Protein backbone atom coordinates (compact mmCIF):
# COMPACT_ATOMS: atom_id res chain seq x y z
CA MET A 1 -1.63 -27.19 12.24
CA PRO A 2 -0.47 -24.04 10.74
CA ARG A 3 -4.19 -24.43 8.88
CA LEU A 4 -6.24 -24.33 11.35
CA LEU A 5 -3.92 -21.64 13.49
CA LEU A 6 -4.94 -19.39 10.15
CA LEU A 7 -8.10 -20.65 10.00
CA ALA A 8 -9.46 -19.31 13.70
CA ALA A 9 -7.88 -16.24 12.94
CA VAL A 10 -10.35 -15.90 10.23
CA LEU A 11 -13.41 -17.34 11.97
CA ALA A 12 -12.48 -14.65 14.75
CA LEU A 13 -12.13 -11.56 12.10
CA THR A 14 -15.33 -12.23 10.60
CA GLY A 15 -17.51 -11.58 13.14
CA CYS A 16 -14.62 -7.75 13.91
CA THR A 17 -16.52 -4.18 13.04
CA PRO A 18 -14.46 -2.02 9.95
CA ALA A 19 -13.05 1.08 11.63
CA GLU A 20 -14.78 3.17 10.47
CA TYR A 21 -13.80 7.03 9.12
CA VAL A 22 -14.15 9.82 7.41
CA ASN A 23 -11.85 11.70 4.52
CA LEU A 24 -12.14 15.60 5.17
CA TYR A 25 -11.10 17.66 2.24
CA ASN A 26 -11.15 21.09 3.44
CA ALA A 27 -12.13 22.91 0.73
CA THR A 28 -12.71 26.50 3.11
CA GLY A 29 -9.83 28.68 2.22
CA ASP A 30 -8.97 28.48 6.28
CA ALA A 31 -8.18 25.79 9.03
CA ILE A 32 -10.50 23.75 10.37
CA THR A 33 -11.22 22.52 13.43
CA ILE A 34 -13.23 19.39 14.27
CA LEU A 35 -14.38 18.71 17.78
CA MET A 36 -16.06 15.31 18.51
CA GLU A 37 -18.37 16.91 21.74
CA LYS A 38 -18.77 14.76 24.36
CA SER A 39 -15.43 12.41 23.74
CA GLN A 40 -13.40 15.50 23.61
CA ARG A 41 -11.71 14.72 20.17
CA VAL A 42 -9.79 17.02 18.09
CA VAL A 43 -9.24 17.10 14.43
CA THR A 44 -7.40 20.14 12.35
CA ILE A 45 -6.73 19.88 9.34
CA PRO A 46 -4.93 22.97 7.03
CA PRO A 47 -6.07 24.74 3.68
CA ARG A 48 -7.10 22.58 0.65
CA THR A 49 -5.65 19.60 2.54
CA ALA A 50 -7.76 16.13 4.27
CA ALA A 51 -7.98 14.66 7.34
CA ASP A 52 -9.46 10.86 8.59
CA PHE A 53 -11.76 10.79 11.91
CA SER A 54 -14.04 8.26 12.89
CA PRO A 55 -17.56 9.47 12.84
CA ALA A 56 -18.78 6.95 16.01
CA TYR A 57 -21.46 7.23 18.02
CA ILE A 58 -21.69 7.75 21.32
CA PRO A 59 -25.24 9.21 22.60
CA GLY A 60 -25.70 12.41 22.49
CA GLU A 61 -22.33 13.26 20.23
CA ARG A 62 -22.81 15.75 18.72
CA ILE A 63 -20.07 16.77 15.37
CA VAL A 64 -18.75 20.51 15.04
CA ILE A 65 -16.76 21.84 12.82
CA ARG A 66 -14.74 25.04 12.93
CA THR A 67 -13.72 27.99 11.55
CA SER A 68 -11.81 30.70 12.47
CA LYS A 69 -15.18 32.13 10.29
CA GLN A 70 -17.93 29.60 10.58
CA SER A 71 -19.30 27.25 12.57
CA TRP A 72 -21.45 23.89 11.84
CA SER A 73 -22.87 21.46 13.80
CA TYR A 74 -23.96 17.93 13.31
CA SER A 75 -25.09 14.91 14.27
CA PRO A 76 -22.71 11.41 13.95
CA ARG A 77 -26.10 9.36 12.24
CA SER A 78 -26.63 12.47 9.85
CA LEU A 79 -22.82 11.64 8.33
CA PHE A 80 -24.32 8.47 6.06
CA ALA A 81 -22.22 8.54 2.75
CA PRO A 82 -23.67 6.32 -0.63
CA PRO A 83 -21.92 3.63 -1.04
CA SER A 84 -20.21 5.36 -4.07
CA PHE A 85 -18.56 7.72 -1.67
CA VAL A 86 -16.99 4.33 0.80
CA GLN A 87 -14.14 2.76 -0.43
CA GLN A 88 -13.91 -0.06 1.69
CA ARG A 89 -10.74 -2.42 2.44
CA MET A 90 -9.16 -5.50 4.27
CA MET A 91 -11.59 -3.84 7.46
CA VAL A 92 -11.37 0.18 6.82
CA MET A 93 -13.86 1.92 5.85
CA ARG A 94 -13.04 5.23 4.65
CA ALA A 95 -16.04 7.16 3.16
CA PHE A 96 -14.57 11.07 1.60
CA ALA A 97 -16.36 13.95 1.66
CA ARG A 98 -15.51 17.66 1.12
CA ILE A 99 -16.64 21.37 3.21
CA ASP A 100 -16.36 24.56 1.44
CA SER A 101 -17.77 27.95 2.43
CA ARG A 102 -20.71 26.76 2.63
CA GLY A 103 -20.93 23.94 4.90
């Protein structure tokens, strides 16, 4: 019976989509705020630290990254990282990125 339950759990999980995150390192020298416009999700990253955010796509979504001096806007669809920048563990995919004063 335990083997049957384990097999059922494995089969159920193989159809799941992995969670996707971007681990963004803040190299701007200023705190940054990431705002997902439509979903109103906000992440704040202090200088010289990194944090995860989920670029889950909602049609028409824009990601706005702001410092006290600058602002950049991206479409989540433009945030695809090369495979060498992506780490996958279990059901989590994490891309690594860095933002500096040039955006």
